[in-house]
C-alpha cells in the first residue's frame, strides 16, 4: 500500500472526548507518532488536548483534513460518525485509524475498506488491546502447540449494566448499543487472533428488564426504556474447525467465569481480560494432569506462561504505532480494517441469527494477523515487530 512517510507519522486527532486521554498518553511516548493537529466540536476540549503535544494546533475539521502536516487521521468521534469521517479523510489522501467499531453496519464498513483500497491508503481500527502481552503471549502458547490442536473456546463478558455508574447510559440500551456491540469487539477480535476467522454463527438474545434506573450523576433515580436485548449468546464456528461460545450480558449481578479460555487436544489456556493489554496467561497441560483418584488440586496444575510476546507497556494507540511501522516496513498492519470489518460482520450475524432463530453464514473473512513474536518495547525506537 502507498502513503509511506519518512520520520514519525503525523497525526491529526478528530474527537477530543473521554477516550482521547488514553490515546494522548500513548502518543506522547511513542516515537513513531507525532500529534500535529486536533479538531473537536468543542474548541476548549481540542485546545486542552493539543496543549499536551508540542507544536499541535487546533483546526476545524475541513482544515485538518487538508493540512499538509497530517499523514493520518485518528478518528475518536462517536460510532455513528466513524464511517463518514473515515471516508472524508481517505478522500483527502490521509490514512485513517479509528476507535471501534469500524462503522455502524457492515455495508458502511465495506465502503470504507473499498475507498482505502482504491486510494492506496491504510485504515486501522481498534481494539489494539490484542497487540499487548496478554493476548500475544496466549497466541505464542497456542502457536507453539503447547495445548495441542485448539478445538474450542469460551468468552464471557458479564456485568449488571452500565447504568449503575454511567451518568447518561440510555444509548447502551438503544439500537446501536448493547453488550455485543459495546464489548464484543474486544472478545471477538481476540478470538480471531487466536483461532482465525469465523465462517458461521448461531445466536440467541434476551431482555429481562424493560426499564433501567440511573444510579449515578445528575440524573440518578431517573428510569428509561430498554429498546434492545441486553444479553446475547452466540456460537462461532471458525474456519479452522474450532468452535467458540460467546456470552455478552448487561444482566448478570455476579459471576465466576473466565474472560477467555481456549481448549485443545493436549491442554487448556486461560487468556486475560481482552479489554486490557496485559495480564497473566496460564496453561494447563494434559501431561501434568493428576491421575483419577489421586485427589490432586486441579488448580495447582495451571502454570503461568510468563511474558513471551506482544507490545510491552502498551496502551490505546499502539495499533496506530504498528500501522506507522508497517508503512515503513512494507507489511500489513495488525489492527486492520480487514479484521475490523470481519468482527463487525460476526456481531451483526450473531444478532441476526438471534432475531431469526437461525444459523447465519458470514459474508466476510480475514487473514489471521501476523503475531508479535517476542516482547517489544516501542518506546525504545522503531524495532521490527
Protein backbone atom coordinates (compact mmCIF):
# COMPACT_ATOMS: atom_id res chain seq x y z
CA UNK A 1 0.00 0.00 0.00
CA UNK A 2 1.10 3.56 -0.62
CA UNK A 3 1.35 6.59 1.58
CA UNK A 4 4.74 5.88 3.14
CA UNK A 5 6.34 8.78 5.01
CA UNK A 6 9.76 9.41 6.49
CA UNK A 7 10.04 10.17 10.19
CA UNK A 8 7.16 9.96 12.67
CA UNK A 9 3.67 9.60 11.28
CA UNK A 10 1.98 12.98 11.77
CA UNK A 11 -1.39 12.56 13.45
CA UNK A 12 -4.50 14.70 13.21
CA UNK A 13 -6.85 13.81 16.06
CA UNK A 14 -10.57 14.20 15.36
CA UNK A 15 -12.56 13.97 18.57
CA UNK A 16 -11.25 15.07 21.99
CA UNK A 17 -13.72 13.26 24.22
CA UNK A 18 -13.08 10.99 27.20
CA UNK A 19 -11.22 8.21 25.34
CA UNK A 20 -8.78 10.72 23.82
CA UNK A 21 -6.95 10.99 27.15
CA UNK A 22 -5.80 7.37 26.93
CA UNK A 23 -4.68 7.81 23.33
CA UNK A 24 -2.90 11.06 24.14
CA UNK A 25 -0.86 9.42 26.89
CA UNK A 26 0.33 6.71 24.48
CA UNK A 27 1.02 9.05 21.57
CA UNK A 28 3.15 11.28 23.77
CA UNK A 29 5.62 8.45 24.44
CA UNK A 30 5.68 6.72 21.05
CA UNK A 31 8.46 7.97 18.74
CA UNK A 32 6.66 6.53 15.70
CA UNK A 33 3.90 9.14 16.06
CA UNK A 34 3.57 12.93 16.48
CA UNK A 35 0.33 14.82 17.03
CA UNK A 36 0.24 17.85 14.74
CA UNK A 37 -3.44 18.92 14.88
CA UNK A 38 -6.64 18.41 16.86
CA UNK A 39 -10.27 19.03 15.89
CA UNK A 40 -13.37 18.79 18.05
CA UNK A 41 -16.83 20.34 18.18
CA UNK A 42 -15.65 21.91 21.46
CA UNK A 43 -12.65 24.17 20.80
CA UNK A 44 -11.97 24.13 24.54
CA UNK A 45 -11.58 20.34 24.57
CA UNK A 46 -9.48 20.46 21.41
CA UNK A 47 -7.19 23.11 22.89
CA UNK A 48 -6.68 21.09 26.07
CA UNK A 49 -5.69 18.01 24.08
CA UNK A 50 -3.43 19.96 21.70
CA UNK A 51 -1.63 21.51 24.67
CA UNK A 52 -0.38 18.03 25.62
CA UNK A 53 1.63 17.81 22.38
CA UNK A 54 4.30 20.33 21.45
CA UNK A 55 3.51 22.16 18.23
CA UNK A 56 -0.01 20.74 17.85
CA UNK A 57 -2.67 23.23 16.85
CA UNK A 58 -6.45 23.37 16.88
CA UNK A 59 -8.13 23.27 13.47
CA UNK A 60 -11.65 22.96 12.08
CA UNK A 61 -12.25 19.52 10.59
CA UNK A 62 -12.01 20.71 6.99
CA UNK A 63 -8.65 22.38 7.60
CA UNK A 64 -7.28 19.38 9.48
CA UNK A 65 -8.18 17.08 6.59
CA UNK A 66 -6.44 19.42 4.15
CA UNK A 67 -3.35 20.02 6.31
CA UNK A 68 -0.04 19.04 4.74
CA UNK A 69 1.41 18.07 8.12
CA UNK A 70 -1.30 15.44 8.78
CA UNK A 71 -0.48 11.96 7.44
CA UNK A 72 -3.11 10.02 9.36
CA UNK A 73 -6.45 10.91 10.93
CA UNK A 74 -7.07 9.40 14.37
CA UNK A 75 -10.86 9.14 14.44
CA UNK A 76 -12.14 9.28 18.02
CA UNK A 77 -15.64 10.50 17.24
CA UNK A 78 -18.92 8.80 18.16
CA UNK A 79 -19.54 5.41 16.47
CA UNK A 80 -22.31 6.77 14.25
CA UNK A 81 -19.80 9.11 12.53
CA UNK A 82 -16.88 6.67 12.22
CA UNK A 83 -17.56 5.73 8.59
CA UNK A 84 -18.30 9.29 7.45
CA UNK A 85 -15.13 10.76 8.98
CA UNK A 86 -13.05 7.89 7.60
CA UNK A 87 -14.40 8.40 4.09
CA UNK A 88 -13.72 12.14 4.27
CA UNK A 89 -10.16 11.52 5.45
CA UNK A 90 -9.48 8.96 2.73
CA UNK A 91 -10.85 11.34 0.09
CA UNK A 92 -8.37 13.92 1.40
CA UNK A 93 -5.48 11.46 0.93
CA UNK A 94 -4.99 10.61 4.62
CA UNK A 95 -4.52 7.24 6.28
CA UNK A 96 -7.11 6.53 9.00
CA UNK A 97 -7.06 4.87 12.39
CA UNK A 98 -10.31 4.80 14.36
CA UNK A 99 -11.94 3.70 17.55
CA UNK A 100 -14.17 0.64 17.35
CA UNK A 101 -16.39 -0.19 15.63
CA UNK A 102 -15.19 0.39 12.07
CA UNK A 103 -18.73 1.51 11.18
CA UNK A 104 -22.27 1.11 12.48
CA UNK A 105 -23.11 -1.50 9.83
CA UNK A 106 -21.18 -3.91 7.62
CA UNK A 107 -22.29 -2.17 4.43
CA UNK A 108 -20.80 1.12 5.68
CA UNK A 109 -17.63 -0.70 6.68
CA UNK A 110 -17.30 -2.18 3.20
CA UNK A 111 -17.40 1.33 1.73
CA UNK A 112 -14.52 2.40 3.97
CA UNK A 113 -12.43 -0.66 3.06
CA UNK A 114 -13.19 -0.19 -0.64
CA UNK A 115 -12.28 3.52 -0.55
CA UNK A 116 -8.97 2.80 1.21
CA UNK A 117 -8.01 0.14 -1.32
CA UNK A 118 -8.88 2.43 -4.24
CA UNK A 119 -6.77 5.25 -2.77
CA UNK A 120 -3.85 3.02 -1.78
CA UNK A 121 -4.20 4.16 1.83
CA UNK A 122 -4.29 2.37 5.18
CA UNK A 123 -7.21 2.06 7.56
CA UNK A 124 -6.66 0.75 11.07
CA UNK A 125 -9.22 0.17 13.79
CA UNK A 126 -9.37 -0.56 17.50
CA UNK A 127 -9.27 -2.64 19.54
CA UNK A 128 -5.50 -2.83 19.69
CA UNK A 129 -5.54 -4.47 23.12
CA UNK A 130 -4.85 -7.71 21.21
CA UNK A 131 -1.33 -6.41 20.49
CA UNK A 132 -0.37 -6.31 24.18
CA UNK A 133 1.48 -9.02 26.05
CA UNK A 134 -1.72 -10.73 27.24
CA UNK A 135 -3.30 -11.95 24.00
CA UNK A 136 0.03 -12.14 22.15
CA UNK A 137 1.54 -14.39 24.83
CA UNK A 138 -1.58 -16.58 24.68
CA UNK A 139 -1.15 -16.79 20.92
CA UNK A 140 2.52 -17.74 21.31
CA UNK A 141 1.47 -20.62 23.57
CA UNK A 142 -1.13 -21.76 21.02
CA UNK A 143 1.22 -21.46 18.05
CA UNK A 144 3.89 -23.46 19.89
CA UNK A 145 1.42 -26.35 20.18
CA UNK A 146 1.50 -26.41 23.97
CA UNK A 147 -2.18 -27.33 24.26
CA UNK A 148 -2.24 -29.46 21.13
CA UNK A 149 -4.80 -28.65 18.44
CA UNK A 150 -7.18 -25.94 19.63
CA UNK A 151 -10.77 -27.12 19.16
CA UNK A 152 -12.92 -24.77 21.25
CA UNK A 153 -13.05 -21.58 23.28
CA UNK A 154 -15.34 -19.77 25.69
CA UNK A 155 -15.63 -16.00 26.12
CA UNK A 156 -17.69 -14.23 28.78
CA UNK A 157 -18.40 -10.55 29.46
CA UNK A 158 -20.95 -10.21 32.25
CA UNK A 159 -21.98 -7.11 34.20
CA UNK A 160 -25.19 -5.88 35.86
CA UNK A 161 -25.31 -2.91 33.49
CA UNK A 162 -23.62 0.41 32.84
CA UNK A 163 -26.48 2.46 34.32
CA UNK A 164 -25.05 1.81 37.79
CA UNK A 165 -22.09 4.13 37.09
CA UNK A 166 -22.65 5.95 33.78
CA UNK A 167 -24.46 9.33 34.13
CA UNK A 168 -26.15 9.01 30.69
CA UNK A 169 -26.41 5.30 29.93
CA UNK A 170 -29.50 5.40 27.68
CA UNK A 171 -27.59 4.77 24.43
CA UNK A 172 -26.29 1.43 25.72
CA UNK A 173 -29.89 0.18 25.63
CA UNK A 174 -30.94 1.60 22.25
CA UNK A 175 -30.28 0.37 18.67
CA UNK A 176 -26.54 0.53 18.06
CA UNK A 177 -25.84 -0.26 21.71
CA UNK A 178 -25.99 -3.41 23.80
CA UNK A 179 -23.27 -5.62 25.26
CA UNK A 180 -22.34 -7.24 21.95
CA UNK A 181 -21.54 -4.02 20.08
CA UNK A 182 -20.08 -2.35 23.18
CA UNK A 183 -17.71 -5.07 24.38
CA UNK A 184 -17.88 -7.73 21.68
CA UNK A 185 -15.06 -6.21 19.58
CA UNK A 186 -12.50 -6.93 22.34
CA UNK A 187 -13.53 -10.56 22.72
CA UNK A 188 -14.21 -11.42 19.09
CA UNK A 189 -11.03 -9.72 17.85
CA UNK A 190 -9.07 -11.77 20.40
CA UNK A 191 -10.74 -14.98 19.22
CA UNK A 192 -9.85 -14.13 15.61
CA UNK A 193 -6.20 -13.52 16.55
CA UNK A 194 -6.14 -16.80 18.49
CA UNK A 195 -8.26 -19.12 16.32
CA UNK A 196 -8.66 -17.35 12.99
CA UNK A 197 -11.72 -16.06 11.10
CA UNK A 198 -15.31 -17.18 11.63
CA UNK A 199 -17.46 -18.87 8.96
CA UNK A 200 -20.86 -19.39 10.57
CA UNK A 201 -22.74 -18.37 13.73
CA UNK A 202 -25.88 -19.10 15.68
CA UNK A 203 -27.24 -16.79 18.36
CA UNK A 204 -29.90 -16.03 20.92
CA UNK A 205 -30.67 -12.83 22.81
CA UNK A 206 -32.99 -11.78 25.62
CA UNK A 207 -34.23 -8.78 27.60
CA UNK A 208 -35.08 -9.48 31.26
CA UNK A 209 -35.82 -5.82 32.13
CA UNK A 210 -37.94 -3.36 30.15
CA UNK A 211 -36.64 -0.36 32.09
CA UNK A 212 -33.43 0.66 33.82
CA UNK A 213 -32.76 3.20 36.58
CA UNK A 214 -29.75 5.50 36.52
CA UNK A 215 -27.62 5.11 39.64
CA UNK A 216 -25.12 7.97 39.40
CA UNK A 217 -24.79 11.57 38.26
CA UNK A 218 -27.31 14.40 37.93
CA UNK A 219 -29.99 12.04 36.56
CA UNK A 220 -29.70 9.49 39.37
CA UNK A 221 -33.06 7.90 40.09
CA UNK A 222 -34.46 8.51 36.60
CA UNK A 223 -35.73 5.50 34.65
CA UNK A 224 -35.55 4.90 30.90
CA UNK A 225 -36.85 2.29 28.46
CA UNK A 226 -34.75 -0.62 27.22
CA UNK A 227 -35.42 -0.94 23.50
CA UNK A 228 -32.95 -3.71 22.59
CA UNK A 229 -31.98 -7.07 24.07
CA UNK A 230 -29.47 -6.65 26.89
CA UNK A 231 -27.94 -10.15 26.81
CA UNK A 232 -26.62 -12.07 23.80
CA UNK A 233 -25.12 -15.53 23.41
CA UNK A 234 -23.53 -16.89 20.27
CA UNK A 235 -21.75 -19.93 18.91
CA UNK A 236 -18.99 -19.08 16.42
CA UNK A 237 -17.72 -21.73 14.02
CA UNK A 238 -14.21 -20.80 12.91
CA UNK A 239 -12.75 -21.69 9.53
CA UNK A 240 -10.17 -23.79 11.40
CA UNK A 241 -12.96 -26.00 12.73
CA UNK A 242 -12.72 -24.65 16.26
CA UNK A 243 -15.96 -23.58 17.95
CA UNK A 244 -16.23 -20.59 20.30
CA UNK A 245 -19.08 -19.93 22.74
CA UNK A 246 -19.68 -16.23 23.45
CA UNK A 247 -21.84 -14.69 26.21
CA UNK A 248 -22.25 -10.90 26.49
CA UNK A 249 -24.62 -9.66 29.22
CA UNK A 250 -25.76 -6.49 30.96
CA UNK A 251 -27.98 -8.63 33.23
CA UNK A 252 -25.54 -10.55 35.44
CA UNK A 253 -25.00 -9.36 39.00
CA UNK A 254 -22.04 -11.61 39.75
CA UNK A 255 -20.20 -14.48 38.08
CA UNK A 256 -17.11 -16.64 38.49
CA UNK A 257 -16.50 -17.03 34.79
CA UNK A 258 -13.17 -16.78 32.97
CA UNK A 259 -12.77 -14.00 30.42
CA UNK A 260 -11.49 -16.28 27.66
CA UNK A 261 -10.39 -19.90 27.75
CA UNK A 262 -9.11 -21.95 24.81
CA UNK A 263 -9.17 -25.75 24.92
CA UNK A 264 -7.04 -28.13 22.89
CA UNK A 265 -6.29 -31.80 22.49
CA UNK A 266 -3.39 -31.60 24.97
CA UNK A 267 -4.42 -28.93 27.44
CA UNK A 268 -6.18 -25.64 28.11
CA UNK A 269 -5.24 -21.98 28.04
CA UNK A 270 -6.53 -19.13 30.23
CA UNK A 271 -6.45 -15.72 28.49
CA UNK A 272 -6.64 -12.45 30.48
CA UNK A 273 -9.25 -9.70 30.08
CA UNK A 274 -9.16 -8.67 26.40
CA UNK A 275 -10.17 -5.12 27.35
CA UNK A 276 -6.66 -4.74 28.80
CA UNK A 277 -3.24 -5.04 27.17
CA UNK A 278 -1.57 -7.14 29.87
CA UNK A 279 -2.46 -9.94 32.25
CA UNK A 280 -1.47 -13.38 33.41
CA UNK A 281 -1.66 -16.17 30.83
CA UNK A 282 -1.97 -19.65 32.33
CA UNK A 283 -1.54 -23.07 30.75
CA UNK A 284 -2.96 -26.42 31.86
CA UNK A 285 -1.11 -29.37 30.35
CA UNK A 286 -2.72 -32.77 29.95
CA UNK A 287 0.73 -34.28 30.52
CA UNK A 288 0.75 -32.99 34.11
CA UNK A 289 -2.90 -33.72 34.87
CA UNK A 290 -3.42 -35.82 38.01
CA UNK A 291 -4.44 -39.43 37.57
CA UNK A 292 -8.03 -40.33 38.51
CA UNK A 293 -8.37 -40.82 42.25
CA UNK A 294 -5.12 -39.05 43.18
CA UNK A 295 -7.06 -36.16 44.71
CA UNK A 296 -4.60 -33.57 43.47
CA UNK A 297 -5.76 -29.95 43.29
CA UNK A 298 -6.57 -29.24 39.67
CA UNK A 299 -5.98 -25.51 40.19
CA UNK A 300 -2.39 -26.26 41.13
CA UNK A 301 -1.72 -27.64 37.66
CA UNK A 302 -2.34 -24.28 35.96
CA UNK A 303 1.09 -22.77 35.27
CA UNK A 304 1.92 -19.16 34.46
CA UNK A 305 3.26 -18.79 30.93
CA UNK A 306 5.22 -15.61 31.70
CA UNK A 307 5.52 -12.80 29.16
CA UNK A 308 6.54 -14.22 25.78
CA UNK A 309 5.26 -11.82 23.12
CA UNK A 310 3.48 -8.54 22.41
CA UNK A 311 3.98 -4.82 22.84
CA UNK A 312 5.25 -4.20 26.37
CA UNK A 313 3.58 -1.48 28.44
CA UNK A 314 1.08 -0.86 25.64
CA UNK A 315 -1.94 1.43 25.71
CA UNK A 316 -4.61 2.66 23.34
CA UNK A 317 -2.90 3.98 20.23
CA UNK A 318 -0.33 1.20 19.88
CA UNK A 319 -2.30 -0.11 16.91
CA UNK A 320 -1.61 3.21 15.20
CA UNK A 321 2.10 2.90 16.02
CA UNK A 322 2.03 -0.58 14.49
CA UNK A 323 0.45 0.95 11.38
CA UNK A 324 3.27 3.52 11.23
CA UNK A 325 5.87 0.75 11.50
CA UNK A 326 4.04 -1.30 8.86
CA UNK A 327 4.20 1.60 6.39
CA UNK A 328 7.96 1.80 6.77
CA UNK A 329 8.45 -1.96 6.60
CA UNK A 330 6.04 -2.60 3.74
CA UNK A 331 4.00 -5.14 5.69
CA UNK A 332 0.37 -5.44 6.72
CA UNK A 333 -0.63 -3.67 9.92
CA UNK A 334 -2.24 -5.84 12.56
CA UNK A 335 -5.20 -3.73 13.80
CA UNK A 336 -6.54 -3.66 10.25
CA UNK A 337 -9.77 -2.70 8.54
CA UNK A 338 -9.96 -6.25 7.23
CA UNK A 339 -10.11 -7.68 10.75
CA UNK A 340 -12.41 -4.89 11.99
CA UNK A 341 -14.88 -5.46 9.14
CA UNK A 342 -14.92 -9.20 9.82
CA UNK A 343 -15.51 -8.65 13.55
CA UNK A 344 -18.36 -6.25 12.75
CA UNK A 345 -19.81 -8.91 10.44
CA UNK A 346 -19.59 -11.52 13.21
CA UNK A 347 -21.51 -9.26 15.59
CA UNK A 348 -24.19 -8.41 13.03
CA UNK A 349 -24.61 -12.07 12.11
CA UNK A 350 -24.91 -13.20 15.75
CA UNK A 351 -27.69 -10.67 16.29
CA UNK A 352 -29.36 -11.65 13.01
CA UNK A 353 -29.19 -15.30 13.99
CA UNK A 354 -30.78 -14.44 17.34
CA UNK A 355 -33.52 -12.38 15.69
CA UNK A 356 -34.32 -15.05 13.07
CA UNK A 357 -33.62 -18.12 15.22
CA UNK A 358 -31.36 -19.47 12.52
CA UNK A 359 -27.76 -20.19 11.55
CA UNK A 360 -26.10 -17.39 9.56
CA UNK A 361 -23.14 -17.66 7.19
CA UNK A 362 -20.70 -14.75 7.23
CA UNK A 363 -20.10 -12.75 4.06
CA UNK A 364 -16.58 -11.68 5.06
CA UNK A 365 -13.36 -13.31 6.15
CA UNK A 366 -9.89 -12.09 7.06
CA UNK A 367 -6.35 -13.26 7.41
CA UNK A 368 -5.18 -14.12 10.89
CA UNK A 369 -2.86 -11.17 11.65
CA UNK A 370 0.84 -11.85 12.00
CA UNK A 371 1.90 -12.38 15.62
CA UNK A 372 4.29 -10.17 17.54
CA UNK A 373 6.75 -12.96 18.11
CA UNK A 374 8.63 -11.55 21.12
CA UNK A 375 8.18 -8.85 23.78
CA UNK A 376 8.75 -5.48 22.04
CA UNK A 377 9.13 -2.04 23.62
CA UNK A 378 8.01 0.52 21.04
CA UNK A 379 9.09 3.44 23.21
CA UNK A 380 12.71 2.43 22.64
CA UNK A 381 12.56 3.34 18.96
CA UNK A 382 11.20 1.60 15.88
CA UNK A 383 12.12 -2.08 16.18
CA UNK A 384 10.98 -4.71 13.72
CA UNK A 385 7.86 -6.34 15.10
